[in-house]
Amino acid sequence: MVSTLAGVSSAGSTDGARAAARFNLPSSVAVDSGGNVYVADGNNSTIRKVTVAGVVTTLAGSAGQQGSADGVGAAARFETRVAWRWITLATSMWPTLAVVSSAR
């Protein structure tokens, strides 16, 4: 069975619960051990988290603000194309989500 966890068919960048949330060209996804889903929201240039309850929050980047900058939260900048994978660092026993942003 396929069902919608969060968002609707109209584009946007709104955080919120289930149908109140908006995405704009979501692409790559990753799921953590707790069932939370991380989404590369392409046209918003953001990294979003969707909880198992369907609540969407923006973790990194700022909607519509493309670029390439390390930073925390809204200070981070990504190009439109974002990819990632879970990696385990030698210094940590926990998997880390590595984000790669490529220029157009």
N, C-alpha and C. Protein backbone atom coordinates (compact mmCIF):
# COMPACT_ATOMS: atom_id res chain seq x y z
N MET A 1 0.83 -1.17 0.00
CA MET A 1 0.00 0.00 0.00
C MET A 1 0.88 1.23 0.00
N VAL A 2 0.52 2.21 -0.79
CA VAL A 2 1.21 3.49 -0.83
C VAL A 2 0.28 4.55 -0.27
N SER A 3 0.82 5.39 0.61
CA SER A 3 0.02 6.48 1.17
C SER A 3 0.90 7.70 1.35
N THR A 4 0.29 8.85 1.48
CA THR A 4 1.01 10.11 1.66
C THR A 4 1.28 10.32 3.14
N LEU A 5 2.56 10.49 3.48
CA LEU A 5 2.94 10.74 4.87
C LEU A 5 2.73 12.22 5.22
N ALA A 6 3.09 13.10 4.28
CA ALA A 6 2.95 14.55 4.51
C ALA A 6 2.97 15.28 3.18
N GLY A 7 2.36 16.45 3.17
CA GLY A 7 2.35 17.28 1.97
C GLY A 7 1.15 16.97 1.08
N VAL A 8 0.95 17.83 0.09
CA VAL A 8 -0.11 17.68 -0.90
C VAL A 8 0.49 18.02 -2.27
N SER A 9 -0.34 18.03 -3.29
CA SER A 9 0.18 18.21 -4.65
C SER A 9 0.57 19.64 -5.00
N SER A 10 0.24 20.61 -4.18
CA SER A 10 0.64 21.99 -4.49
C SER A 10 2.01 22.30 -3.86
N ALA A 11 2.85 23.02 -4.62
CA ALA A 11 4.21 23.32 -4.18
C ALA A 11 4.24 24.41 -3.12
N GLY A 12 5.28 24.35 -2.29
CA GLY A 12 5.48 25.36 -1.26
C GLY A 12 6.63 24.97 -0.36
N SER A 13 6.77 25.67 0.75
CA SER A 13 7.86 25.39 1.68
C SER A 13 7.39 25.39 3.13
N THR A 14 6.11 25.19 3.35
CA THR A 14 5.52 25.29 4.68
C THR A 14 5.84 24.07 5.54
N ASP A 15 6.31 24.31 6.77
CA ASP A 15 6.44 23.26 7.77
C ASP A 15 5.07 23.06 8.40
N GLY A 16 4.80 21.86 8.89
CA GLY A 16 3.53 21.62 9.53
C GLY A 16 3.19 20.15 9.53
N ALA A 17 2.00 19.85 9.99
CA ALA A 17 1.55 18.46 10.09
C ALA A 17 0.81 18.02 8.84
N ARG A 18 1.16 16.85 8.36
CA ARG A 18 0.51 16.16 7.24
C ARG A 18 0.15 17.07 6.07
N ALA A 19 -1.12 17.30 5.79
CA ALA A 19 -1.56 18.04 4.60
C ALA A 19 -1.24 19.54 4.69
N ALA A 20 -0.88 20.05 5.86
CA ALA A 20 -0.51 21.46 5.98
C ALA A 20 0.89 21.72 5.44
N ALA A 21 1.72 20.68 5.38
CA ALA A 21 3.10 20.82 4.91
C ALA A 21 3.15 20.94 3.39
N ARG A 22 4.16 21.63 2.89
CA ARG A 22 4.36 21.78 1.45
C ARG A 22 5.81 21.51 1.11
N PHE A 23 6.03 20.86 -0.02
CA PHE A 23 7.35 20.60 -0.57
C PHE A 23 7.40 21.17 -1.97
N ASN A 24 8.61 21.35 -2.51
CA ASN A 24 8.76 21.83 -3.87
C ASN A 24 9.87 21.02 -4.55
N LEU A 25 9.49 19.99 -5.24
CA LEU A 25 10.37 19.05 -5.94
C LEU A 25 11.21 18.22 -4.97
N PRO A 26 10.55 17.46 -4.08
CA PRO A 26 11.31 16.58 -3.20
C PRO A 26 12.02 15.52 -4.04
N SER A 27 13.23 15.16 -3.61
CA SER A 27 13.99 14.17 -4.38
C SER A 27 14.52 13.08 -3.48
N SER A 28 15.77 13.16 -3.08
CA SER A 28 16.38 12.11 -2.27
C SER A 28 15.69 11.99 -0.92
N VAL A 29 15.57 10.76 -0.45
CA VAL A 29 15.02 10.51 0.88
C VAL A 29 15.92 9.53 1.62
N ALA A 30 15.91 9.63 2.94
CA ALA A 30 16.60 8.69 3.81
C ALA A 30 15.71 8.47 5.02
N VAL A 31 15.79 7.30 5.61
CA VAL A 31 14.97 6.96 6.77
C VAL A 31 15.89 6.53 7.90
N ASP A 32 15.68 7.08 9.10
CA ASP A 32 16.50 6.67 10.23
C ASP A 32 15.87 5.49 10.95
N SER A 33 16.54 4.99 11.97
CA SER A 33 16.08 3.79 12.67
C SER A 33 14.77 4.01 13.41
N GLY A 34 14.40 5.26 13.68
CA GLY A 34 13.14 5.57 14.34
C GLY A 34 11.98 5.75 13.39
N GLY A 35 12.26 5.65 12.08
CA GLY A 35 11.20 5.80 11.09
C GLY A 35 11.00 7.22 10.59
N ASN A 36 11.83 8.16 11.07
CA ASN A 36 11.76 9.53 10.56
C ASN A 36 12.32 9.56 9.14
N VAL A 37 11.73 10.37 8.28
CA VAL A 37 12.14 10.47 6.89
C VAL A 37 12.80 11.83 6.67
N TYR A 38 13.95 11.83 6.00
CA TYR A 38 14.67 13.06 5.68
C TYR A 38 14.56 13.26 4.17
N VAL A 39 14.15 14.45 3.77
CA VAL A 39 13.85 14.74 2.37
C VAL A 39 14.71 15.89 1.87
N ALA A 40 15.35 15.68 0.71
CA ALA A 40 16.01 16.79 0.02
C ALA A 40 14.91 17.49 -0.76
N ASP A 41 14.56 18.68 -0.34
CA ASP A 41 13.49 19.44 -0.98
C ASP A 41 14.12 20.33 -2.04
N GLY A 42 14.24 19.78 -3.25
CA GLY A 42 15.04 20.34 -4.32
C GLY A 42 14.85 21.81 -4.64
N ASN A 43 13.67 22.21 -5.04
CA ASN A 43 13.47 23.61 -5.43
C ASN A 43 13.44 24.57 -4.25
N ASN A 44 13.34 24.05 -3.05
CA ASN A 44 13.45 24.90 -1.86
C ASN A 44 14.88 24.95 -1.34
N SER A 45 15.76 24.06 -1.85
CA SER A 45 17.15 23.99 -1.40
C SER A 45 17.24 23.80 0.11
N THR A 46 16.43 22.88 0.63
CA THR A 46 16.40 22.61 2.06
C THR A 46 16.44 21.12 2.34
N ILE A 47 16.78 20.79 3.58
CA ILE A 47 16.70 19.42 4.09
C ILE A 47 15.56 19.43 5.09
N ARG A 48 14.59 18.55 4.86
CA ARG A 48 13.39 18.53 5.71
C ARG A 48 13.31 17.19 6.45
N LYS A 49 12.73 17.22 7.62
CA LYS A 49 12.49 16.00 8.41
C LYS A 49 10.99 15.79 8.53
N VAL A 50 10.55 14.56 8.27
CA VAL A 50 9.15 14.18 8.44
C VAL A 50 9.11 13.10 9.52
N THR A 51 8.46 13.40 10.64
CA THR A 51 8.38 12.42 11.72
C THR A 51 7.38 11.32 11.35
N VAL A 52 7.37 10.25 12.13
CA VAL A 52 6.43 9.16 11.87
C VAL A 52 4.98 9.63 12.02
N ALA A 53 4.78 10.73 12.74
CA ALA A 53 3.43 11.30 12.90
C ALA A 53 3.07 12.22 11.73
N GLY A 54 4.02 12.43 10.80
CA GLY A 54 3.74 13.27 9.64
C GLY A 54 4.01 14.74 9.84
N VAL A 55 4.74 15.11 10.88
CA VAL A 55 5.07 16.51 11.14
C VAL A 55 6.37 16.86 10.42
N VAL A 56 6.32 17.90 9.59
CA VAL A 56 7.46 18.32 8.77
C VAL A 56 8.12 19.55 9.38
N THR A 57 9.46 19.50 9.51
CA THR A 57 10.25 20.65 9.94
C THR A 57 11.43 20.80 8.99
N THR A 58 11.89 22.02 8.83
CA THR A 58 13.08 22.29 8.02
C THR A 58 14.29 22.20 8.93
N LEU A 59 15.22 21.29 8.60
CA LEU A 59 16.42 21.12 9.42
C LEU A 59 17.57 22.01 8.97
N ALA A 60 17.70 22.19 7.67
CA ALA A 60 18.84 22.96 7.15
C ALA A 60 18.45 23.66 5.85
N GLY A 61 19.03 24.84 5.66
CA GLY A 61 18.74 25.63 4.48
C GLY A 61 17.58 26.56 4.72
N SER A 62 17.36 27.42 3.72
CA SER A 62 16.27 28.37 3.79
C SER A 62 15.60 28.39 2.43
N ALA A 63 14.30 28.21 2.39
CA ALA A 63 13.57 28.07 1.13
C ALA A 63 13.90 29.19 0.16
N GLY A 64 14.28 28.81 -1.06
CA GLY A 64 14.57 29.77 -2.10
C GLY A 64 15.96 30.38 -2.04
N GLN A 65 16.75 30.00 -1.06
CA GLN A 65 18.09 30.57 -0.88
C GLN A 65 19.15 29.54 -1.28
N GLN A 66 19.48 29.47 -2.57
CA GLN A 66 20.47 28.51 -3.04
C GLN A 66 21.87 29.02 -2.77
N GLY A 67 22.82 28.09 -2.80
CA GLY A 67 24.22 28.47 -2.62
C GLY A 67 25.00 27.28 -2.10
N SER A 68 26.16 27.57 -1.60
CA SER A 68 27.02 26.54 -1.05
C SER A 68 27.69 27.11 0.19
N ALA A 69 27.13 26.81 1.35
CA ALA A 69 27.69 27.34 2.60
C ALA A 69 27.45 26.37 3.73
N ASP A 70 28.51 26.06 4.46
CA ASP A 70 28.36 25.28 5.68
C ASP A 70 27.66 26.16 6.69
N GLY A 71 26.84 25.56 7.52
CA GLY A 71 26.16 26.34 8.53
C GLY A 71 25.18 25.47 9.28
N VAL A 72 24.63 26.01 10.32
CA VAL A 72 23.66 25.31 11.14
C VAL A 72 22.27 25.85 10.83
N GLY A 73 21.33 24.94 10.63
CA GLY A 73 19.95 25.35 10.40
C GLY A 73 19.79 26.19 9.16
N ALA A 74 19.12 27.33 9.29
CA ALA A 74 18.82 28.19 8.15
C ALA A 74 20.05 28.84 7.55
N ALA A 75 21.19 28.80 8.23
CA ALA A 75 22.42 29.40 7.69
C ALA A 75 23.07 28.52 6.62
N ALA A 76 22.73 27.24 6.58
CA ALA A 76 23.29 26.34 5.56
C ALA A 76 22.69 26.67 4.20
N ARG A 77 23.46 26.45 3.14
CA ARG A 77 22.98 26.68 1.78
C ARG A 77 23.30 25.47 0.91
N PHE A 78 22.34 25.12 0.04
CA PHE A 78 22.48 23.99 -0.86
C PHE A 78 22.09 24.41 -2.26
N GLU A 79 22.70 23.76 -3.24
CA GLU A 79 22.26 23.93 -4.62
C GLU A 79 20.98 23.10 -4.78
N THR A 80 20.35 23.19 -5.94
CA THR A 80 19.10 22.47 -6.16
C THR A 80 19.28 20.96 -6.06
N ARG A 81 20.34 20.44 -6.64
CA ARG A 81 20.54 18.99 -6.60
C ARG A 81 21.27 18.60 -5.33
N VAL A 82 20.62 17.79 -4.52
CA VAL A 82 21.20 17.35 -3.26
C VAL A 82 21.09 15.83 -3.20
N ALA A 83 22.16 15.18 -2.78
CA ALA A 83 22.15 13.72 -2.61
C ALA A 83 22.76 13.40 -1.25
N TRP A 84 22.51 12.22 -0.77
CA TRP A 84 23.08 11.83 0.52
C TRP A 84 23.11 10.34 0.70
N ARG A 85 23.77 9.95 1.76
CA ARG A 85 23.75 8.55 2.17
C ARG A 85 24.13 8.48 3.65
N TRP A 86 23.68 7.42 4.30
CA TRP A 86 24.03 7.21 5.70
C TRP A 86 25.44 6.66 5.74
N ILE A 87 26.29 7.24 6.57
CA ILE A 87 27.64 6.74 6.76
C ILE A 87 27.90 6.61 8.26
N THR A 88 28.83 5.76 8.63
CA THR A 88 29.23 5.65 10.03
C THR A 88 30.65 6.16 10.13
N LEU A 89 30.85 7.21 10.88
CA LEU A 89 32.17 7.80 11.04
C LEU A 89 32.97 6.99 12.04
N ALA A 90 34.27 6.96 11.85
CA ALA A 90 35.15 6.22 12.76
C ALA A 90 35.06 6.78 14.17
N THR A 91 34.71 8.05 14.30
CA THR A 91 34.65 8.70 15.62
C THR A 91 33.29 8.58 16.29
N SER A 92 32.34 7.90 15.64
CA SER A 92 31.00 7.82 16.19
C SER A 92 30.42 6.43 15.97
N MET A 93 29.65 5.96 16.92
CA MET A 93 28.98 4.68 16.74
C MET A 93 27.62 4.84 16.08
N TRP A 94 27.20 6.09 15.85
CA TRP A 94 25.90 6.36 15.25
C TRP A 94 26.03 6.72 13.79
N PRO A 95 25.12 6.26 12.95
CA PRO A 95 25.16 6.67 11.54
C PRO A 95 24.95 8.17 11.41
N THR A 96 25.60 8.76 10.44
CA THR A 96 25.53 10.18 10.18
C THR A 96 24.99 10.39 8.77
N LEU A 97 24.13 11.35 8.60
CA LEU A 97 23.60 11.65 7.29
C LEU A 97 24.56 12.62 6.60
N ALA A 98 25.25 12.14 5.57
CA ALA A 98 26.19 12.98 4.82
C ALA A 98 25.44 13.61 3.65
N VAL A 99 25.49 14.92 3.53
CA VAL A 99 24.78 15.65 2.48
C VAL A 99 25.79 16.17 1.47
N VAL A 100 25.49 15.93 0.19
CA VAL A 100 26.34 16.43 -0.89
C VAL A 100 25.47 17.30 -1.79
N SER A 101 25.90 18.53 -2.01
CA SER A 101 25.18 19.46 -2.86
C SER A 101 26.03 19.72 -4.10
N SER A 102 25.47 19.53 -5.28
CA SER A 102 26.25 19.73 -6.50
C SER A 102 25.78 20.96 -7.26
N ALA A 103 26.73 21.66 -7.84
CA ALA A 103 26.39 22.84 -8.64
C ALA A 103 25.69 22.42 -9.91
N ARG A 104 24.89 23.31 -10.46
CA ARG A 104 24.17 23.01 -11.69
C ARG A 104 25.06 22.96 -12.87
